[in-house]
């Protein structure tokens, strides 16, 4: 874990870029009954040298009342993952495992006023719609009564990030031969996530004898 400072380390910058690129994760906090979580889209912004993750939940979500400006929340942002069989390696007697990338962002959660709902909706849509090869859709195109009813049903939460934890298991400690063998296997997979991980492995160690 790394405590944030005004100037971020390279690994922190990469973790934040990874999270922003994904734009979707699991938000978790605990009350007297134990942990609670929700899957949420989010917008990651910088404000006064702070990193803010802004999410929204339905007004009835139990996490809303936990965003009291004191309690800590955790956002888990997962990337691609893939199972690796032990007989995929070039060398013998490896252990079957999973390769993956993920980022954990944590900090104190603050509940925003309802007047902030529209600005959050606009910001979230702008980021999300930009991912698609089409003219962006926005809330101004929605029937006004329905739009206001929808906005009134949510609450916006700011997670002020003070800890960043990047997690990556991409065969860092394996030999070049084992690295290439696994990358080649993942590149042949039907799952697009496995193929993306194959590209990540190749980018980490370029110039090796990968299959075309």
C-alpha atoms as a PDB file:
ATOM      1  CA  UNK A   1       0.000   0.000   0.000  1.00  0.00           C
ATOM      2  CA  UNK A   2       1.124   3.537  -0.716  1.00  0.00           C
ATOM      3  CA  UNK A   3      -0.033   6.649   1.131  1.00  0.00           C
ATOM      4  CA  UNK A   4      -0.836   9.365  -1.383  1.00  0.00           C
ATOM      5  CA  UNK A   5       1.180  12.544  -1.701  1.00  0.00           C
ATOM      6  CA  UNK A   6       0.675  15.512  -4.030  1.00  0.00           C
ATOM      7  CA  UNK A   7       3.207  13.950  -6.412  1.00  0.00           C
ATOM      8  CA  UNK A   8       2.353  10.370  -7.229  1.00  0.00           C
ATOM      9  CA  UNK A   9       4.847   7.600  -7.744  1.00  0.00           C
ATOM     10  CA  UNK A  10       4.994   5.934 -11.153  1.00  0.00           C
ATOM     11  CA  UNK A  11       3.305   2.794  -9.845  1.00  0.00           C
ATOM     12  CA  UNK A  12       0.530   4.894  -8.310  1.00  0.00           C
ATOM     13  CA  UNK A  13      -0.002   6.736 -11.577  1.00  0.00           C
ATOM     14  CA  UNK A  14      -0.232   3.435 -13.430  1.00  0.00           C
ATOM     15  CA  UNK A  15      -2.713   2.059 -10.916  1.00  0.00           C
ATOM     16  CA  UNK A  16      -4.899   5.159 -11.197  1.00  0.00           C
ATOM     17  CA  UNK A  17      -4.770   5.023 -15.002  1.00  0.00           C
ATOM     18  CA  UNK A  18      -5.734   1.338 -14.869  1.00  0.00           C
ATOM     19  CA  UNK A  19      -8.714   2.099 -12.623  1.00  0.00           C
ATOM     20  CA  UNK A  20      -9.855   5.047 -14.728  1.00  0.00           C
ATOM     21  CA  UNK A  21      -9.644   2.948 -17.887  1.00  0.00           C
ATOM     22  CA  UNK A  22     -11.803   0.213 -16.355  1.00  0.00           C
ATOM     23  CA  UNK A  23     -14.381   2.575 -14.870  1.00  0.00           C
ATOM     24  CA  UNK A  24     -16.234  -0.191 -13.024  1.00  0.00           C
ATOM     25  CA  UNK A  25     -15.624  -1.978  -9.739  1.00  0.00           C
ATOM     26  CA  UNK A  26     -16.924  -3.231  -6.422  1.00  0.00           C
ATOM     27  CA  UNK A  27     -17.357  -0.786  -3.527  1.00  0.00           C
ATOM     28  CA  UNK A  28     -17.126  -2.315  -0.049  1.00  0.00           C
ATOM     29  CA  UNK A  29     -17.648  -1.044   3.504  1.00  0.00           C
ATOM     30  CA  UNK A  30     -18.568  -2.674   6.807  1.00  0.00           C
ATOM     31  CA  UNK A  31     -21.308  -1.999   9.324  1.00  0.00           C
ATOM     32  CA  UNK A  32     -22.220  -3.827  12.546  1.00  0.00           C
ATOM     33  CA  UNK A  33     -23.478  -6.804  10.525  1.00  0.00           C
ATOM     34  CA  UNK A  34     -20.289  -7.153   8.516  1.00  0.00           C
ATOM     35  CA  UNK A  35     -19.089  -6.204   5.016  1.00  0.00           C
ATOM     36  CA  UNK A  36     -21.449  -4.864   2.367  1.00  0.00           C
ATOM     37  CA  UNK A  37     -20.670  -4.391  -1.294  1.00  0.00           C
ATOM     38  CA  UNK A  38     -22.134  -3.114  -4.543  1.00  0.00           C
ATOM     39  CA  UNK A  39     -20.979  -3.195  -8.158  1.00  0.00           C
ATOM     40  CA  UNK A  40     -20.649   0.375  -9.405  1.00  0.00           C
ATOM     41  CA  UNK A  41     -19.479   2.470 -12.334  1.00  0.00           C
ATOM     42  CA  UNK A  42     -17.343   5.390 -11.232  1.00  0.00           C
ATOM     43  CA  UNK A  43     -15.616   8.579 -12.306  1.00  0.00           C
ATOM     44  CA  UNK A  44     -12.046   9.167 -11.142  1.00  0.00           C
ATOM     45  CA  UNK A  45     -11.023  12.823 -10.871  1.00  0.00           C
ATOM     46  CA  UNK A  46      -8.358  15.035  -9.276  1.00  0.00           C
ATOM     47  CA  UNK A  47      -9.457  17.824  -6.946  1.00  0.00           C
ATOM     48  CA  UNK A  48      -7.042  20.029  -4.969  1.00  0.00           C
ATOM     49  CA  UNK A  49      -4.224  17.460  -5.236  1.00  0.00           C
ATOM     50  CA  UNK A  50      -6.578  14.724  -4.090  1.00  0.00           C
ATOM     51  CA  UNK A  51      -7.854  11.706  -5.984  1.00  0.00           C
ATOM     52  CA  UNK A  52     -11.641  11.414  -5.839  1.00  0.00           C
ATOM     53  CA  UNK A  53     -13.612   8.371  -6.892  1.00  0.00           C
ATOM     54  CA  UNK A  54     -17.229   9.383  -7.360  1.00  0.00           C
ATOM     55  CA  UNK A  55     -19.938   6.732  -7.440  1.00  0.00           C
ATOM     56  CA  UNK A  56     -23.709   6.618  -7.102  1.00  0.00           C
ATOM     57  CA  UNK A  57     -26.015   4.128  -5.418  1.00  0.00           C
ATOM     58  CA  UNK A  58     -29.755   3.804  -5.121  1.00  0.00           C
ATOM     59  CA  UNK A  59     -30.978   5.851  -2.165  1.00  0.00           C
ATOM     60  CA  UNK A  60     -32.026   2.678  -0.321  1.00  0.00           C
ATOM     61  CA  UNK A  61     -28.640   0.972  -0.622  1.00  0.00           C
ATOM     62  CA  UNK A  62     -27.252   0.226   2.898  1.00  0.00           C
ATOM     63  CA  UNK A  63     -23.891   1.688   1.884  1.00  0.00           C
ATOM     64  CA  UNK A  64     -25.389   5.173   1.574  1.00  0.00           C
ATOM     65  CA  UNK A  65     -25.811   5.693   5.314  1.00  0.00           C
ATOM     66  CA  UNK A  66     -22.261   4.417   5.878  1.00  0.00           C
ATOM     67  CA  UNK A  67     -20.787   7.297   3.844  1.00  0.00           C
ATOM     68  CA  UNK A  68     -20.570   9.492   6.937  1.00  0.00           C
ATOM     69  CA  UNK A  69     -17.276  11.291   6.322  1.00  0.00           C
ATOM     70  CA  UNK A  70     -15.514   9.039   8.813  1.00  0.00           C
ATOM     71  CA  UNK A  71     -15.894   5.452   7.638  1.00  0.00           C
ATOM     72  CA  UNK A  72     -13.460   4.005   5.119  1.00  0.00           C
ATOM     73  CA  UNK A  73     -14.618   2.441   1.871  1.00  0.00           C
ATOM     74  CA  UNK A  74     -12.681   0.160  -0.472  1.00  0.00           C
ATOM     75  CA  UNK A  75     -13.079   0.127  -4.256  1.00  0.00           C
ATOM     76  CA  UNK A  76     -11.877  -3.043  -5.977  1.00  0.00           C
ATOM     77  CA  UNK A  77     -11.184  -2.627  -9.691  1.00  0.00           C
ATOM     78  CA  UNK A  78     -10.499  -5.939 -11.410  1.00  0.00           C
ATOM     79  CA  UNK A  79      -8.927  -6.398 -14.818  1.00  0.00           C
ATOM     80  CA  UNK A  80      -8.596  -9.529 -16.899  1.00  0.00           C
ATOM     81  CA  UNK A  81      -7.769 -12.871 -15.331  1.00  0.00           C
ATOM     82  CA  UNK A  82      -6.973 -16.316 -16.697  1.00  0.00           C
ATOM     83  CA  UNK A  83      -6.246 -19.782 -15.368  1.00  0.00           C
ATOM     84  CA  UNK A  84      -2.830 -21.216 -16.263  1.00  0.00           C
ATOM     85  CA  UNK A  85      -2.392 -24.991 -16.229  1.00  0.00           C
ATOM     86  CA  UNK A  86       0.874 -26.406 -14.945  1.00  0.00           C
ATOM     87  CA  UNK A  87       1.531 -28.237 -18.231  1.00  0.00           C
ATOM     88  CA  UNK A  88       1.513 -24.968 -20.180  1.00  0.00           C
ATOM     89  CA  UNK A  89       4.997 -24.101 -18.928  1.00  0.00           C
ATOM     90  CA  UNK A  90       8.159 -25.042 -20.768  1.00  0.00           C
ATOM     91  CA  UNK A  91       9.775 -26.314 -17.547  1.00  0.00           C
ATOM     92  CA  UNK A  92       8.505 -29.127 -15.326  1.00  0.00           C
ATOM     93  CA  UNK A  93       6.789 -29.105 -11.938  1.00  0.00           C
ATOM     94  CA  UNK A  94       5.207 -25.668 -11.952  1.00  0.00           C
ATOM     95  CA  UNK A  95       2.008 -25.074 -10.013  1.00  0.00           C
ATOM     96  CA  UNK A  96      -1.264 -24.260 -11.762  1.00  0.00           C
ATOM     97  CA  UNK A  97      -2.248 -20.675 -11.027  1.00  0.00           C
ATOM     98  CA  UNK A  98      -4.259 -17.630 -12.073  1.00  0.00           C
ATOM     99  CA  UNK A  99      -2.829 -14.550 -13.756  1.00  0.00           C
ATOM    100  CA  UNK A 100      -4.614 -11.270 -13.080  1.00  0.00           C
ATOM    101  CA  UNK A 101      -4.431  -7.511 -12.674  1.00  0.00           C
ATOM    102  CA  UNK A 102      -6.367  -5.446 -10.135  1.00  0.00           C
ATOM    103  CA  UNK A 103      -6.269  -2.175  -8.216  1.00  0.00           C
ATOM    104  CA  UNK A 104      -7.577  -1.374  -4.717  1.00  0.00           C
ATOM    105  CA  UNK A 105      -8.440   2.243  -3.890  1.00  0.00           C
ATOM    106  CA  UNK A 106      -9.439   3.115  -0.343  1.00  0.00           C
ATOM    107  CA  UNK A 107     -10.236   6.178   1.734  1.00  0.00           C
ATOM    108  CA  UNK A 108     -12.967   8.026   3.598  1.00  0.00           C
ATOM    109  CA  UNK A 109     -16.401   8.228   1.941  1.00  0.00           C
ATOM    110  CA  UNK A 110     -18.466  11.411   1.910  1.00  0.00           C
ATOM    111  CA  UNK A 111     -22.139  11.637   0.933  1.00  0.00           C
ATOM    112  CA  UNK A 112     -22.846  14.455  -1.510  1.00  0.00           C
ATOM    113  CA  UNK A 113     -25.948  16.658  -1.556  1.00  0.00           C
ATOM    114  CA  UNK A 114     -28.762  15.695  -3.912  1.00  0.00           C
ATOM    115  CA  UNK A 115     -28.065  18.852  -5.919  1.00  0.00           C
ATOM    116  CA  UNK A 116     -24.868  17.148  -7.105  1.00  0.00           C
ATOM    117  CA  UNK A 117     -26.712  14.242  -8.737  1.00  0.00           C
ATOM    118  CA  UNK A 118     -27.065  15.828 -12.168  1.00  0.00           C
ATOM    119  CA  UNK A 119     -23.414  16.871 -12.404  1.00  0.00           C
ATOM    120  CA  UNK A 120     -22.368  13.344 -11.446  1.00  0.00           C
ATOM    121  CA  UNK A 121     -24.700  11.825 -14.028  1.00  0.00           C
ATOM    122  CA  UNK A 122     -23.341  14.108 -16.733  1.00  0.00           C
ATOM    123  CA  UNK A 123     -19.726  13.322 -15.828  1.00  0.00           C
ATOM    124  CA  UNK A 124     -20.295   9.567 -15.668  1.00  0.00           C
ATOM    125  CA  UNK A 125     -22.118   9.498 -19.002  1.00  0.00           C
ATOM    126  CA  UNK A 126     -19.449  11.610 -20.675  1.00  0.00           C
ATOM    127  CA  UNK A 127     -16.745   9.133 -19.660  1.00  0.00           C
ATOM    128  CA  UNK A 128     -18.814   6.034 -20.437  1.00  0.00           C
ATOM    129  CA  UNK A 129     -20.204   7.220 -23.781  1.00  0.00           C
ATOM    130  CA  UNK A 130     -16.707   8.192 -24.935  1.00  0.00           C
ATOM    131  CA  UNK A 131     -15.862   4.486 -24.960  1.00  0.00           C
ATOM    132  CA  UNK A 132     -18.336   3.845 -27.785  1.00  0.00           C
ATOM    133  CA  UNK A 133     -17.887   4.585 -31.516  1.00  0.00           C
ATOM    134  CA  UNK A 134     -21.000   6.749 -31.768  1.00  0.00           C
ATOM    135  CA  UNK A 135     -22.393  10.182 -31.058  1.00  0.00           C
ATOM    136  CA  UNK A 136     -22.562  10.473 -27.248  1.00  0.00           C
ATOM    137  CA  UNK A 137     -25.916  10.240 -25.526  1.00  0.00           C
ATOM    138  CA  UNK A 138     -26.544  12.545 -22.560  1.00  0.00           C
ATOM    139  CA  UNK A 139     -29.193  13.305 -19.958  1.00  0.00           C
ATOM    140  CA  UNK A 140     -30.423  16.338 -21.874  1.00  0.00           C
ATOM    141  CA  UNK A 141     -31.955  13.901 -24.376  1.00  0.00           C
ATOM    142  CA  UNK A 142     -34.084  12.220 -21.699  1.00  0.00           C
ATOM    143  CA  UNK A 143     -37.690  13.188 -21.037  1.00  0.00           C
ATOM    144  CA  UNK A 144     -37.392  15.789 -18.228  1.00  0.00           C
ATOM    145  CA  UNK A 145     -39.869  14.301 -15.751  1.00  0.00           C
ATOM    146  CA  UNK A 146     -38.425  10.831 -16.101  1.00  0.00           C
ATOM    147  CA  UNK A 147     -34.891  12.226 -15.827  1.00  0.00           C
ATOM    148  CA  UNK A 148     -35.626  14.089 -12.608  1.00  0.00           C
ATOM    149  CA  UNK A 149     -37.365  11.062 -11.112  1.00  0.00           C
ATOM    150  CA  UNK A 150     -34.362   8.913 -11.936  1.00  0.00           C
ATOM    151  CA  UNK A 151     -31.877  11.427 -10.495  1.00  0.00           C
ATOM    152  CA  UNK A 152     -33.929  11.769  -7.317  1.00  0.00           C
ATOM    153  CA  UNK A 153     -33.634   8.021  -6.704  1.00  0.00           C
ATOM    154  CA  UNK A 154     -29.835   7.977  -6.325  1.00  0.00           C
ATOM    155  CA  UNK A 155     -27.211   9.292  -3.891  1.00  0.00           C
ATOM    156  CA  UNK A 156     -23.718  10.330  -4.910  1.00  0.00           C
ATOM    157  CA  UNK A 157     -20.680   9.419  -2.815  1.00  0.00           C
ATOM    158  CA  UNK A 158     -17.135  10.785  -2.991  1.00  0.00           C
ATOM    159  CA  UNK A 159     -14.402   8.368  -1.977  1.00  0.00           C
ATOM    160  CA  UNK A 160     -11.349  10.495  -1.105  1.00  0.00           C
ATOM    161  CA  UNK A 161      -8.519   8.116  -1.940  1.00  0.00           C
ATOM    162  CA  UNK A 162      -5.549   8.024   0.404  1.00  0.00           C
ATOM    163  CA  UNK A 163      -4.251   4.515  -0.310  1.00  0.00           C
ATOM    164  CA  UNK A 164      -3.551   2.847  -3.649  1.00  0.00           C
ATOM    165  CA  UNK A 165      -2.660  -0.806  -3.995  1.00  0.00           C
ATOM    166  CA  UNK A 166      -1.836  -2.242  -7.400  1.00  0.00           C
ATOM    167  CA  UNK A 167      -1.969  -6.025  -7.674  1.00  0.00           C
ATOM    168  CA  UNK A 168      -0.461  -7.791 -10.665  1.00  0.00           C
ATOM    169  CA  UNK A 169       0.441 -11.436 -11.180  1.00  0.00           C
ATOM    170  CA  UNK A 170       1.822 -11.796 -14.696  1.00  0.00           C
ATOM    171  CA  UNK A 171       4.521 -14.464 -14.396  1.00  0.00           C
ATOM    172  CA  UNK A 172       7.029 -11.882 -13.156  1.00  0.00           C
ATOM    173  CA  UNK A 173       9.301 -14.516 -11.604  1.00  0.00           C
ATOM    174  CA  UNK A 174       9.192 -17.111 -14.367  1.00  0.00           C
ATOM    175  CA  UNK A 175      11.954 -17.772 -16.881  1.00  0.00           C
ATOM    176  CA  UNK A 176      11.726 -16.354 -20.395  1.00  0.00           C
ATOM    177  CA  UNK A 177      10.936 -19.822 -21.769  1.00  0.00           C
ATOM    178  CA  UNK A 178       8.051 -20.282 -19.329  1.00  0.00           C
ATOM    179  CA  UNK A 179       6.851 -16.711 -19.941  1.00  0.00           C
ATOM    180  CA  UNK A 180       6.719 -17.290 -23.706  1.00  0.00           C
ATOM    181  CA  UNK A 181       5.026 -20.674 -23.369  1.00  0.00           C
ATOM    182  CA  UNK A 182       2.203 -19.272 -21.227  1.00  0.00           C
ATOM    183  CA  UNK A 183       1.773 -16.190 -23.422  1.00  0.00           C
ATOM    184  CA  UNK A 184       1.427 -18.421 -26.485  1.00  0.00           C
ATOM    185  CA  UNK A 185      -1.200 -20.568 -24.765  1.00  0.00           C
ATOM    186  CA  UNK A 186      -3.215 -17.527 -23.681  1.00  0.00           C
ATOM    187  CA  UNK A 187      -3.030 -16.059 -27.193  1.00  0.00           C
ATOM    188  CA  UNK A 188      -4.761 -19.194 -28.546  1.00  0.00           C
ATOM    189  CA  UNK A 189      -7.669 -18.974 -26.088  1.00  0.00           C
ATOM    190  CA  UNK A 190     -11.221 -18.196 -27.139  1.00  0.00           C
ATOM    191  CA  UNK A 191     -11.732 -15.734 -24.271  1.00  0.00           C
ATOM    192  CA  UNK A 192     -10.833 -12.171 -25.172  1.00  0.00           C
ATOM    193  CA  UNK A 193      -9.600 -11.551 -21.607  1.00  0.00           C
ATOM    194  CA  UNK A 194      -7.003 -14.317 -21.978  1.00  0.00           C
ATOM    195  CA  UNK A 195      -5.861 -12.884 -25.290  1.00  0.00           C
ATOM    196  CA  UNK A 196      -5.527  -9.419 -23.738  1.00  0.00           C
ATOM    197  CA  UNK A 197      -3.396 -10.917 -20.965  1.00  0.00           C
ATOM    198  CA  UNK A 198      -1.234 -12.553 -23.638  1.00  0.00           C
ATOM    199  CA  UNK A 199      -0.616  -9.091 -25.091  1.00  0.00           C
ATOM    200  CA  UNK A 200       0.288  -7.781 -21.625  1.00  0.00           C
ATOM    201  CA  UNK A 201       2.800 -10.607 -21.165  1.00  0.00           C
ATOM    202  CA  UNK A 202       4.351  -9.883 -24.550  1.00  0.00           C
ATOM    203  CA  UNK A 203       4.585  -6.170 -23.770  1.00  0.00           C
ATOM    204  CA  UNK A 204       6.339  -6.899 -20.463  1.00  0.00           C
ATOM    205  CA  UNK A 205       9.080  -8.901 -22.207  1.00  0.00           C
ATOM    206  CA  UNK A 206       9.270  -7.827 -25.842  1.00  0.00           C
ATOM    207  CA  UNK A 207      11.572  -9.416 -28.385  1.00  0.00           C
ATOM    208  CA  UNK A 208      11.173 -13.014 -27.251  1.00  0.00           C
ATOM    209  CA  UNK A 209      10.147 -15.895 -29.525  1.00  0.00           C
ATOM    210  CA  UNK A 210       6.368 -15.529 -29.352  1.00  0.00           C
ATOM    211  CA  UNK A 211       4.116 -17.204 -31.877  1.00  0.00           C
ATOM    212  CA  UNK A 212       2.618 -14.903 -34.493  1.00  0.00           C
END
